[in-house]
N, C-alpha and C. Protein backbone atom coordinates (compact mmCIF):
# COMPACT_ATOMS: atom_id res chain seq x y z
N MET A 1 119.32 55.85 -96.69
CA MET A 1 119.83 55.91 -98.06
C MET A 1 121.13 56.72 -98.07
N THR A 2 122.09 56.23 -98.85
CA THR A 2 123.41 56.85 -98.84
C THR A 2 124.26 56.20 -99.92
N THR A 3 125.50 56.64 -100.03
CA THR A 3 126.46 55.96 -100.89
C THR A 3 127.80 55.90 -100.18
N THR A 4 128.37 54.70 -100.07
CA THR A 4 129.70 54.54 -99.52
C THR A 4 130.52 53.70 -100.49
N VAL A 5 131.82 53.98 -100.55
CA VAL A 5 132.70 53.34 -101.52
C VAL A 5 133.99 52.93 -100.82
N GLY A 6 134.53 51.78 -101.22
CA GLY A 6 135.83 51.33 -100.73
C GLY A 6 136.67 50.80 -101.88
N ILE A 7 137.97 51.11 -101.86
CA ILE A 7 138.90 50.66 -102.90
C ILE A 7 140.18 50.20 -102.22
N VAL A 8 140.68 49.02 -102.63
CA VAL A 8 141.97 48.52 -102.15
C VAL A 8 143.00 48.64 -103.26
N VAL A 9 144.16 49.18 -102.92
CA VAL A 9 145.30 49.20 -103.83
C VAL A 9 146.50 48.62 -103.08
N LYS A 10 147.62 48.53 -103.76
CA LYS A 10 148.79 47.89 -103.18
C LYS A 10 149.21 48.53 -101.86
N ASP A 11 149.18 49.85 -101.81
CA ASP A 11 149.73 50.56 -100.66
C ASP A 11 148.71 50.96 -99.61
N GLY A 12 147.44 50.64 -99.82
CA GLY A 12 146.47 51.03 -98.80
C GLY A 12 145.04 50.89 -99.25
N VAL A 13 144.15 51.50 -98.47
CA VAL A 13 142.71 51.44 -98.70
C VAL A 13 142.15 52.86 -98.72
N VAL A 14 141.21 53.09 -99.62
CA VAL A 14 140.50 54.37 -99.69
C VAL A 14 139.03 54.12 -99.39
N LEU A 15 138.48 54.90 -98.46
CA LEU A 15 137.05 54.85 -98.14
C LEU A 15 136.45 56.22 -98.38
N ALA A 16 135.26 56.25 -99.00
CA ALA A 16 134.61 57.53 -99.30
C ALA A 16 133.10 57.40 -99.09
N THR A 17 132.48 58.51 -98.68
CA THR A 17 131.03 58.54 -98.49
C THR A 17 130.49 59.90 -98.88
N ASP A 18 129.18 59.95 -99.11
CA ASP A 18 128.51 61.24 -99.22
C ASP A 18 128.19 61.72 -97.81
N LYS A 19 127.54 62.90 -97.70
CA LYS A 19 127.29 63.47 -96.38
C LYS A 19 125.80 63.58 -96.03
N ARG A 20 124.92 63.19 -96.94
CA ARG A 20 123.48 63.33 -96.69
C ARG A 20 122.97 62.22 -95.77
N VAL A 21 122.22 62.61 -94.75
CA VAL A 21 121.59 61.65 -93.84
C VAL A 21 120.08 61.74 -94.06
N THR A 22 119.47 60.59 -94.38
CA THR A 22 118.05 60.60 -94.70
C THR A 22 117.26 59.65 -93.82
N ALA A 23 115.97 59.94 -93.71
CA ALA A 23 114.99 59.03 -93.11
C ALA A 23 113.91 58.85 -94.16
N GLY A 24 114.01 57.78 -94.94
CA GLY A 24 113.18 57.68 -96.13
C GLY A 24 113.66 58.73 -97.12
N TYR A 25 112.73 59.57 -97.60
CA TYR A 25 113.10 60.65 -98.50
C TYR A 25 113.21 61.99 -97.77
N TYR A 26 113.15 61.94 -96.44
CA TYR A 26 113.33 63.15 -95.64
C TYR A 26 114.82 63.35 -95.37
N ILE A 27 115.35 64.52 -95.68
CA ILE A 27 116.76 64.82 -95.43
C ILE A 27 116.89 65.29 -93.99
N ALA A 28 117.45 64.43 -93.15
CA ALA A 28 117.54 64.72 -91.72
C ALA A 28 118.77 65.54 -91.37
N HIS A 29 119.83 65.42 -92.17
CA HIS A 29 121.07 66.14 -91.86
C HIS A 29 121.88 66.27 -93.14
N LYS A 30 122.62 67.40 -93.26
CA LYS A 30 123.40 67.65 -94.47
C LYS A 30 124.90 67.58 -94.24
N LYS A 31 125.31 67.25 -93.03
CA LYS A 31 126.75 67.16 -92.74
C LYS A 31 127.03 65.88 -91.96
N GLY A 32 126.44 64.79 -92.41
CA GLY A 32 126.60 63.53 -91.71
C GLY A 32 128.02 62.98 -91.81
N GLU A 33 128.46 62.32 -90.75
CA GLU A 33 129.77 61.67 -90.70
C GLU A 33 129.55 60.17 -90.83
N LYS A 34 129.95 59.60 -91.96
CA LYS A 34 129.71 58.19 -92.23
C LYS A 34 130.99 57.36 -92.29
N LEU A 35 132.10 57.96 -91.88
CA LEU A 35 133.37 57.24 -91.80
C LEU A 35 133.78 57.13 -90.34
N TRP A 36 134.05 55.92 -89.90
CA TRP A 36 134.32 55.66 -88.49
C TRP A 36 135.74 55.11 -88.32
N LYS A 37 136.56 55.82 -87.59
CA LYS A 37 137.92 55.34 -87.30
C LYS A 37 137.85 54.34 -86.15
N ILE A 38 138.19 53.08 -86.43
CA ILE A 38 138.22 52.05 -85.40
C ILE A 38 139.56 52.07 -84.66
N ASP A 39 140.63 52.17 -85.42
CA ASP A 39 141.98 52.28 -84.88
C ASP A 39 142.83 52.97 -85.94
N ASP A 40 144.10 53.21 -85.65
CA ASP A 40 144.95 53.91 -86.60
C ASP A 40 145.10 53.16 -87.92
N HIS A 41 144.89 51.85 -87.91
CA HIS A 41 145.13 51.04 -89.11
C HIS A 41 143.85 50.55 -89.78
N VAL A 42 142.69 50.92 -89.26
CA VAL A 42 141.45 50.37 -89.80
C VAL A 42 140.29 51.33 -89.58
N ALA A 43 139.38 51.39 -90.57
CA ALA A 43 138.20 52.25 -90.48
C ALA A 43 137.03 51.55 -91.14
N ALA A 44 135.84 52.13 -90.95
CA ALA A 44 134.62 51.54 -91.50
C ALA A 44 133.71 52.62 -92.05
N THR A 45 132.87 52.23 -93.01
CA THR A 45 131.84 53.12 -93.51
C THR A 45 130.51 52.76 -92.85
N MET A 46 129.58 53.72 -92.87
CA MET A 46 128.29 53.53 -92.23
C MET A 46 127.18 53.68 -93.26
N SER A 47 126.39 52.62 -93.41
CA SER A 47 125.23 52.63 -94.30
C SER A 47 124.13 51.82 -93.64
N GLY A 48 122.94 52.40 -93.56
CA GLY A 48 121.84 51.70 -92.90
C GLY A 48 121.39 52.45 -91.66
N GLY A 49 121.01 51.70 -90.64
CA GLY A 49 120.55 52.31 -89.39
C GLY A 49 121.71 52.88 -88.60
N VAL A 50 121.70 54.19 -88.39
CA VAL A 50 122.81 54.87 -87.73
C VAL A 50 123.02 54.35 -86.31
N ALA A 51 121.95 54.24 -85.55
CA ALA A 51 122.07 53.79 -84.16
C ALA A 51 122.64 52.37 -84.08
N ASP A 52 122.16 51.50 -84.97
CA ASP A 52 122.65 50.13 -84.99
C ASP A 52 124.15 50.09 -85.27
N LEU A 53 124.58 50.84 -86.28
CA LEU A 53 126.00 50.83 -86.65
C LEU A 53 126.87 51.47 -85.57
N GLN A 54 126.40 52.56 -84.98
CA GLN A 54 127.17 53.20 -83.91
C GLN A 54 127.39 52.23 -82.76
N ASN A 55 126.38 51.44 -82.44
CA ASN A 55 126.49 50.46 -81.37
C ASN A 55 127.55 49.41 -81.70
N ILE A 56 127.50 48.86 -82.90
CA ILE A 56 128.44 47.81 -83.29
C ILE A 56 129.85 48.36 -83.44
N LEU A 57 130.01 49.51 -84.09
CA LEU A 57 131.35 50.05 -84.32
C LEU A 57 131.98 50.55 -83.02
N SER A 58 131.16 50.99 -82.09
CA SER A 58 131.70 51.35 -80.77
C SER A 58 132.29 50.13 -80.08
N PHE A 59 131.60 48.99 -80.19
CA PHE A 59 132.12 47.74 -79.62
C PHE A 59 133.44 47.35 -80.29
N LEU A 60 133.50 47.43 -81.62
CA LEU A 60 134.72 47.07 -82.33
C LEU A 60 135.88 48.00 -81.95
N THR A 61 135.59 49.27 -81.74
CA THR A 61 136.63 50.22 -81.35
C THR A 61 137.20 49.88 -79.98
N VAL A 62 136.33 49.55 -79.05
CA VAL A 62 136.78 49.15 -77.71
C VAL A 62 137.57 47.84 -77.78
N ARG A 63 137.08 46.91 -78.57
CA ARG A 63 137.78 45.62 -78.70
C ARG A 63 139.16 45.80 -79.31
N ALA A 64 139.29 46.69 -80.29
CA ALA A 64 140.59 46.97 -80.89
C ALA A 64 141.56 47.57 -79.88
N ARG A 65 141.05 48.43 -79.00
CA ARG A 65 141.89 49.05 -77.97
C ARG A 65 142.34 48.00 -76.95
N GLU A 66 141.42 47.13 -76.56
CA GLU A 66 141.75 46.07 -75.60
C GLU A 66 142.80 45.12 -76.17
N TYR A 67 142.64 44.76 -77.44
CA TYR A 67 143.59 43.85 -78.09
C TYR A 67 144.99 44.47 -78.13
N LYS A 68 145.08 45.74 -78.49
CA LYS A 68 146.38 46.41 -78.57
C LYS A 68 147.03 46.50 -77.19
N THR A 69 146.23 46.72 -76.16
CA THR A 69 146.76 46.78 -74.80
C THR A 69 147.27 45.42 -74.36
N GLN A 70 146.54 44.37 -74.70
CA GLN A 70 146.90 43.03 -74.25
C GLN A 70 148.07 42.44 -75.04
N PHE A 71 148.07 42.61 -76.36
CA PHE A 71 149.04 41.93 -77.21
C PHE A 71 150.13 42.85 -77.77
N ARG A 72 150.03 44.15 -77.51
CA ARG A 72 151.04 45.11 -77.94
C ARG A 72 151.17 45.20 -79.45
N ARG A 73 150.09 44.93 -80.16
CA ARG A 73 150.09 45.11 -81.62
C ARG A 73 148.65 45.34 -82.06
N PRO A 74 148.45 45.94 -83.24
CA PRO A 74 147.08 46.21 -83.70
C PRO A 74 146.30 44.93 -83.96
N ILE A 75 145.03 44.99 -83.74
CA ILE A 75 144.17 43.83 -83.96
C ILE A 75 144.09 43.51 -85.45
N PRO A 76 144.13 42.24 -85.84
CA PRO A 76 143.95 41.88 -87.25
C PRO A 76 142.57 42.32 -87.74
N ILE A 77 142.52 42.84 -88.95
CA ILE A 77 141.26 43.33 -89.49
C ILE A 77 140.25 42.20 -89.63
N ARG A 78 140.74 41.03 -90.01
CA ARG A 78 139.83 39.88 -90.15
C ARG A 78 139.15 39.55 -88.82
N ALA A 79 139.85 39.73 -87.71
CA ALA A 79 139.24 39.48 -86.40
C ALA A 79 138.09 40.44 -86.13
N LEU A 80 138.29 41.72 -86.46
CA LEU A 80 137.21 42.70 -86.28
C LEU A 80 136.00 42.34 -87.13
N VAL A 81 136.26 41.94 -88.36
CA VAL A 81 135.17 41.57 -89.27
C VAL A 81 134.42 40.35 -88.73
N ASN A 82 135.16 39.39 -88.19
CA ASN A 82 134.51 38.20 -87.61
C ASN A 82 133.63 38.57 -86.41
N TYR A 83 134.13 39.49 -85.56
CA TYR A 83 133.32 39.96 -84.43
C TYR A 83 132.00 40.54 -84.94
N MET A 84 132.09 41.42 -85.94
CA MET A 84 130.88 42.06 -86.46
C MET A 84 129.94 41.03 -87.07
N SER A 85 130.48 40.09 -87.81
CA SER A 85 129.65 39.07 -88.44
C SER A 85 128.91 38.24 -87.39
N LEU A 86 129.60 37.88 -86.32
CA LEU A 86 128.97 37.09 -85.26
C LEU A 86 127.86 37.86 -84.56
N ILE A 87 128.10 39.14 -84.29
CA ILE A 87 127.08 39.98 -83.66
C ILE A 87 125.82 40.00 -84.52
N LEU A 88 126.01 40.23 -85.82
CA LEU A 88 124.86 40.32 -86.72
C LEU A 88 124.15 38.98 -86.89
N PHE A 89 124.93 37.91 -87.00
CA PHE A 89 124.33 36.59 -87.22
C PHE A 89 123.53 36.13 -86.01
N TYR A 90 124.10 36.29 -84.82
CA TYR A 90 123.44 35.76 -83.62
C TYR A 90 122.41 36.70 -83.02
N SER A 91 122.20 37.85 -83.65
CA SER A 91 121.11 38.73 -83.19
C SER A 91 119.76 38.27 -83.74
N ARG A 92 119.76 37.33 -84.71
CA ARG A 92 118.51 36.84 -85.28
C ARG A 92 117.61 36.20 -84.22
N PRO A 93 116.28 36.31 -84.31
CA PRO A 93 115.50 36.85 -85.41
C PRO A 93 115.45 38.38 -85.44
N TYR A 94 115.97 39.04 -84.40
CA TYR A 94 116.08 40.50 -84.47
C TYR A 94 117.31 40.82 -85.30
N VAL A 95 117.26 41.91 -86.04
CA VAL A 95 118.37 42.22 -86.94
C VAL A 95 118.82 43.67 -86.74
N TYR A 96 120.12 43.87 -86.95
CA TYR A 96 120.67 45.21 -87.07
C TYR A 96 120.60 45.59 -88.55
N VAL A 97 119.97 46.70 -88.86
CA VAL A 97 119.83 47.12 -90.25
C VAL A 97 121.08 47.90 -90.65
N VAL A 98 122.12 47.17 -91.03
CA VAL A 98 123.42 47.80 -91.30
C VAL A 98 124.07 47.20 -92.54
N HIS A 99 124.96 47.97 -93.11
CA HIS A 99 125.78 47.54 -94.24
C HIS A 99 127.07 48.34 -94.10
N SER A 100 128.20 47.67 -93.97
CA SER A 100 129.44 48.38 -93.68
C SER A 100 130.61 47.83 -94.48
N ILE A 101 131.51 48.73 -94.84
CA ILE A 101 132.78 48.37 -95.44
C ILE A 101 133.85 48.58 -94.38
N ILE A 102 134.64 47.56 -94.09
CA ILE A 102 135.72 47.67 -93.11
C ILE A 102 137.04 47.43 -93.85
N GLY A 103 137.94 48.39 -93.78
CA GLY A 103 139.19 48.27 -94.53
C GLY A 103 140.35 48.91 -93.81
N GLY A 104 141.55 48.46 -94.18
CA GLY A 104 142.75 49.03 -93.59
C GLY A 104 143.97 48.22 -93.96
N VAL A 105 145.02 48.37 -93.17
CA VAL A 105 146.28 47.68 -93.42
C VAL A 105 146.74 47.02 -92.13
N ASP A 106 147.03 45.71 -92.19
CA ASP A 106 147.55 45.03 -90.99
C ASP A 106 148.74 44.16 -91.36
N GLU A 107 149.35 43.56 -90.34
CA GLU A 107 150.57 42.78 -90.54
C GLU A 107 150.29 41.45 -91.24
N GLU A 108 149.09 40.92 -91.09
CA GLU A 108 148.77 39.61 -91.64
C GLU A 108 148.40 39.64 -93.11
N GLU A 109 147.58 40.62 -93.51
CA GLU A 109 147.05 40.62 -94.87
C GLU A 109 147.49 41.82 -95.71
N GLY A 110 148.18 42.77 -95.10
CA GLY A 110 148.50 43.99 -95.83
C GLY A 110 147.26 44.84 -96.01
N ALA A 111 147.13 45.49 -97.17
CA ALA A 111 145.94 46.28 -97.46
C ALA A 111 144.79 45.33 -97.77
N VAL A 112 143.69 45.48 -97.05
CA VAL A 112 142.59 44.54 -97.18
C VAL A 112 141.26 45.23 -96.86
N MET A 113 140.18 44.73 -97.46
CA MET A 113 138.87 45.34 -97.25
C MET A 113 137.79 44.26 -97.30
N TYR A 114 136.82 44.38 -96.39
CA TYR A 114 135.70 43.44 -96.34
C TYR A 114 134.39 44.23 -96.34
N MET A 115 133.36 43.60 -96.90
CA MET A 115 132.01 44.13 -96.79
C MET A 115 131.19 43.21 -95.90
N VAL A 116 130.43 43.78 -94.98
CA VAL A 116 129.59 43.01 -94.07
C VAL A 116 128.16 43.51 -94.20
N ASP A 117 127.21 42.59 -94.47
CA ASP A 117 125.82 43.02 -94.59
C ASP A 117 125.04 42.72 -93.32
N TRP A 118 123.75 43.05 -93.33
CA TRP A 118 122.94 43.00 -92.10
C TRP A 118 122.64 41.58 -91.64
N LEU A 119 122.92 40.58 -92.47
CA LEU A 119 122.76 39.19 -92.05
C LEU A 119 124.07 38.60 -91.52
N GLY A 120 125.14 39.36 -91.56
CA GLY A 120 126.44 38.87 -91.10
C GLY A 120 127.29 38.28 -92.20
N THR A 121 126.85 38.38 -93.43
CA THR A 121 127.63 37.86 -94.57
C THR A 121 128.88 38.70 -94.75
N VAL A 122 130.01 38.03 -94.95
CA VAL A 122 131.30 38.71 -95.13
C VAL A 122 131.85 38.38 -96.51
N THR A 123 132.25 39.39 -97.26
CA THR A 123 132.94 39.18 -98.53
C THR A 123 134.18 40.05 -98.59
N LYS A 124 135.27 39.49 -99.10
CA LYS A 124 136.51 40.23 -99.29
C LYS A 124 136.47 40.89 -100.65
N GLU A 125 136.76 42.18 -100.72
CA GLU A 125 136.58 42.93 -101.95
C GLU A 125 137.82 43.72 -102.33
N LYS A 126 137.95 43.99 -103.62
CA LYS A 126 138.96 44.92 -104.13
C LYS A 126 138.38 46.32 -104.30
N TYR A 127 137.12 46.36 -104.72
CA TYR A 127 136.39 47.62 -104.77
C TYR A 127 134.92 47.29 -104.53
N VAL A 128 134.21 48.21 -103.89
CA VAL A 128 132.83 47.93 -103.52
C VAL A 128 132.10 49.23 -103.25
N ALA A 129 130.77 49.21 -103.44
CA ALA A 129 129.92 50.34 -103.08
C ALA A 129 128.69 49.81 -102.37
N THR A 130 128.19 50.55 -101.39
CA THR A 130 126.98 50.17 -100.68
C THR A 130 126.03 51.37 -100.64
N GLY A 131 124.79 51.09 -100.27
CA GLY A 131 123.81 52.15 -100.12
C GLY A 131 122.96 52.34 -101.36
N SER A 132 122.02 53.28 -101.29
CA SER A 132 121.04 53.48 -102.36
C SER A 132 121.69 53.97 -103.66
N GLY A 133 122.82 54.65 -103.56
CA GLY A 133 123.51 55.13 -104.76
C GLY A 133 124.55 54.17 -105.29
N SER A 134 124.62 52.97 -104.72
CA SER A 134 125.68 52.03 -105.09
C SER A 134 125.66 51.59 -106.56
N PRO A 135 124.48 51.44 -107.22
CA PRO A 135 124.53 51.04 -108.64
C PRO A 135 125.29 52.05 -109.51
N TYR A 136 125.14 53.33 -109.21
CA TYR A 136 125.82 54.36 -110.00
C TYR A 136 127.32 54.40 -109.65
N ALA A 137 127.62 54.31 -108.37
CA ALA A 137 129.02 54.31 -107.95
C ALA A 137 129.75 53.08 -108.45
N LYS A 138 129.09 51.92 -108.40
CA LYS A 138 129.71 50.68 -108.82
C LYS A 138 130.06 50.72 -110.31
N GLY A 139 129.22 51.36 -111.11
CA GLY A 139 129.51 51.48 -112.53
C GLY A 139 130.81 52.22 -112.78
N VAL A 140 131.03 53.31 -112.05
CA VAL A 140 132.27 54.08 -112.17
C VAL A 140 133.46 53.25 -111.71
N LEU A 141 133.29 52.53 -110.61
CA LEU A 141 134.39 51.70 -110.08
C LEU A 141 134.77 50.59 -111.07
N GLU A 142 133.78 49.96 -111.67
CA GLU A 142 134.07 48.86 -112.58
C GLU A 142 134.83 49.33 -113.82
N VAL A 143 134.53 50.54 -114.27
CA VAL A 143 135.22 51.08 -115.44
C VAL A 143 136.64 51.54 -115.08
N GLY A 144 136.78 52.14 -113.90
CA GLY A 144 138.04 52.80 -113.58
C GLY A 144 139.03 52.01 -112.75
N TYR A 145 138.61 50.90 -112.14
CA TYR A 145 139.52 50.18 -111.24
C TYR A 145 140.58 49.40 -112.00
N ARG A 146 141.82 49.50 -111.51
CA ARG A 146 142.93 48.68 -111.99
C ARG A 146 143.73 48.22 -110.78
N GLY A 147 144.35 47.09 -110.91
CA GLY A 147 145.13 46.57 -109.78
C GLY A 147 146.36 47.38 -109.46
N ASP A 148 146.84 48.19 -110.43
CA ASP A 148 148.07 48.96 -110.21
C ASP A 148 147.80 50.43 -109.88
N LEU A 149 146.58 50.76 -109.47
CA LEU A 149 146.28 52.14 -109.08
C LEU A 149 147.14 52.58 -107.90
N THR A 150 147.54 53.83 -107.89
CA THR A 150 148.18 54.41 -106.71
C THR A 150 147.09 54.84 -105.74
N VAL A 151 147.48 55.17 -104.52
CA VAL A 151 146.51 55.67 -103.55
C VAL A 151 145.86 56.95 -104.07
N GLU A 152 146.65 57.83 -104.64
CA GLU A 152 146.13 59.10 -105.15
C GLU A 152 145.13 58.87 -106.27
N GLU A 153 145.42 57.92 -107.17
CA GLU A 153 144.48 57.61 -108.25
C GLU A 153 143.20 56.98 -107.70
N ALA A 154 143.34 56.16 -106.66
CA ALA A 154 142.17 55.54 -106.04
C ALA A 154 141.29 56.59 -105.37
N VAL A 155 141.90 57.61 -104.80
CA VAL A 155 141.13 58.71 -104.20
C VAL A 155 140.29 59.40 -105.27
N ASP A 156 140.90 59.71 -106.41
CA ASP A 156 140.17 60.35 -107.50
C ASP A 156 139.03 59.47 -107.99
N LEU A 157 139.28 58.17 -108.09
CA LEU A 157 138.24 57.24 -108.54
C LEU A 157 137.09 57.18 -107.55
N ALA A 158 137.41 57.15 -106.26
CA ALA A 158 136.36 57.12 -105.23
C ALA A 158 135.52 58.39 -105.27
N ILE A 159 136.16 59.53 -105.45
CA ILE A 159 135.42 60.80 -105.53
C ILE A 159 134.48 60.79 -106.73
N ASN A 160 134.98 60.33 -107.88
CA ASN A 160 134.13 60.27 -109.08
C ASN A 160 132.95 59.32 -108.89
N ALA A 161 133.18 58.21 -108.18
CA ALA A 161 132.10 57.26 -107.92
C ALA A 161 131.02 57.88 -107.05
N ILE A 162 131.41 58.60 -106.01
CA ILE A 162 130.43 59.27 -105.15
C ILE A 162 129.71 60.38 -105.92
N LYS A 163 130.44 61.11 -106.77
CA LYS A 163 129.80 62.15 -107.58
C LYS A 163 128.70 61.56 -108.48
N ALA A 164 128.99 60.41 -109.08
CA ALA A 164 128.00 59.78 -109.95
C ALA A 164 126.74 59.44 -109.17
N ALA A 165 126.90 58.96 -107.93
CA ALA A 165 125.75 58.64 -107.10
C ALA A 165 124.98 59.90 -106.71
N ILE A 166 125.70 60.95 -106.38
CA ILE A 166 125.04 62.20 -105.97
C ILE A 166 124.20 62.76 -107.11
N ARG A 167 124.70 62.65 -108.34
CA ARG A 167 123.96 63.18 -109.49
C ARG A 167 122.70 62.38 -109.80
N ASN A 168 122.68 61.10 -109.45
CA ASN A 168 121.60 60.23 -109.90
C ASN A 168 120.70 59.69 -108.79
N ASP A 169 121.14 59.74 -107.54
CA ASP A 169 120.40 59.12 -106.44
C ASP A 169 119.90 60.19 -105.47
N PRO A 170 118.60 60.29 -105.24
CA PRO A 170 118.08 61.31 -104.32
C PRO A 170 118.47 61.08 -102.86
N GLY A 171 118.90 59.87 -102.53
CA GLY A 171 119.30 59.59 -101.15
C GLY A 171 120.74 59.95 -100.85
N SER A 172 121.48 60.42 -101.87
CA SER A 172 122.90 60.77 -101.68
C SER A 172 123.09 62.23 -102.04
N GLY A 173 123.99 62.91 -101.31
CA GLY A 173 124.22 64.31 -101.64
C GLY A 173 124.99 65.06 -100.58
N GLU A 174 125.01 66.37 -100.74
CA GLU A 174 125.55 67.38 -99.82
C GLU A 174 127.06 67.49 -99.82
N GLY A 175 127.79 66.46 -100.16
CA GLY A 175 129.25 66.55 -100.15
C GLY A 175 129.90 65.19 -100.08
N ILE A 176 131.22 65.20 -99.95
CA ILE A 176 132.00 63.97 -99.97
C ILE A 176 133.05 63.99 -98.87
N ASP A 177 133.20 62.86 -98.18
CA ASP A 177 134.30 62.65 -97.25
C ASP A 177 135.15 61.49 -97.77
N VAL A 178 136.47 61.62 -97.68
CA VAL A 178 137.37 60.56 -98.11
C VAL A 178 138.48 60.39 -97.07
N VAL A 179 138.80 59.14 -96.74
CA VAL A 179 139.96 58.85 -95.90
C VAL A 179 140.82 57.79 -96.59
N THR A 180 142.10 57.81 -96.26
CA THR A 180 143.00 56.75 -96.70
C THR A 180 143.58 56.07 -95.46
N ILE A 181 143.87 54.79 -95.59
CA ILE A 181 144.57 54.06 -94.54
C ILE A 181 145.76 53.37 -95.21
N THR A 182 146.96 53.79 -94.84
CA THR A 182 148.18 53.22 -95.41
C THR A 182 149.11 52.79 -94.29
N LYS A 183 150.06 51.92 -94.63
CA LYS A 183 151.03 51.46 -93.63
C LYS A 183 151.90 52.61 -93.14
N ARG A 184 152.24 53.51 -94.03
CA ARG A 184 153.15 54.61 -93.68
C ARG A 184 152.48 55.69 -92.85
N GLU A 185 151.23 56.04 -93.18
CA GLU A 185 150.57 57.17 -92.52
C GLU A 185 149.39 56.76 -91.66
N GLY A 186 148.95 55.50 -91.72
CA GLY A 186 147.79 55.09 -90.98
C GLY A 186 146.53 55.78 -91.49
N PHE A 187 145.59 56.05 -90.58
CA PHE A 187 144.32 56.69 -90.92
C PHE A 187 144.57 58.17 -91.21
N LYS A 188 144.11 58.62 -92.37
CA LYS A 188 144.32 60.03 -92.75
C LYS A 188 143.10 60.54 -93.49
N ARG A 189 142.50 61.60 -92.97
CA ARG A 189 141.37 62.25 -93.66
C ARG A 189 141.97 63.19 -94.70
N ILE A 190 141.65 62.94 -95.97
CA ILE A 190 142.35 63.70 -97.00
C ILE A 190 141.42 64.55 -97.86
N PHE A 191 140.12 64.39 -97.75
CA PHE A 191 139.23 65.18 -98.61
C PHE A 191 137.88 65.32 -97.95
N THR A 192 137.37 66.53 -97.94
CA THR A 192 135.99 66.75 -97.51
C THR A 192 135.48 68.00 -98.19
N THR A 193 134.26 67.97 -98.67
CA THR A 193 133.70 69.14 -99.33
C THR A 193 132.18 69.10 -99.24
N GLN A 194 131.58 70.24 -99.41
CA GLN A 194 130.13 70.33 -99.45
C GLN A 194 129.64 70.32 -100.88
N GLN A 195 128.36 70.12 -101.07
CA GLN A 195 127.76 69.94 -102.39
C GLN A 195 128.09 71.09 -103.34
N LYS A 196 128.12 72.31 -102.88
CA LYS A 196 128.31 73.46 -103.77
C LYS A 196 129.67 73.46 -104.45
N LEU A 197 130.62 72.70 -103.92
CA LEU A 197 131.95 72.64 -104.52
C LEU A 197 132.07 71.55 -105.57
N LEU A 198 131.06 70.73 -105.72
CA LEU A 198 131.16 69.57 -106.62
C LEU A 198 130.70 69.93 -108.03
N ILE A 199 131.29 70.96 -108.60
CA ILE A 199 130.90 71.43 -109.92
C ILE A 199 131.51 70.60 -111.04
N PRO A 200 132.82 70.25 -110.99
CA PRO A 200 133.42 69.52 -112.10
C PRO A 200 132.76 68.16 -112.32
N GLU A 201 132.55 67.83 -113.59
CA GLU A 201 131.98 66.55 -113.94
C GLU A 201 133.09 65.50 -114.04
N ILE A 202 132.69 64.24 -114.16
CA ILE A 202 133.66 63.15 -114.32
C ILE A 202 134.38 63.31 -115.65
């Protein structure tokens, strides 16, 4: 159980997560890292089975490095998403219990974000939330999202979405991590805090 959020704006992508790691209703860790840097231009969120996602995202990270070495340019984000979808689809009848948001900026599509579920389904999104707190986060995103948001405004919106989930969902909590991926700066970790600092309301 967790909450992860992704937002696409003109100049980049914002990804945010809470920090609580749970096994059912047991809190296993309070400083979990649920944002995975695949390459300088692309990152992913982690929701679901940690071991399953670490296995898949490790493969994508290696594949991105191999592609850059071979072709002298960053791997297209759509290619990474297709790799992940194929892994999940062809693992049937065994399944990886995962749900991930993959987003970033590339030469082909600009700022772009995809959601991939545990069956290998891929959807292209402008804003999205996954995990047990997603209904609360999605409500905030639907009210606050606009196509002309700046990266800074999208960061604030993502933080408010995670806060809403933390207040209402027992599977989410402990703090917030946020990264941005832009053409100018690439992958940048811009916000992290623990639960005790999350006093201001939306």
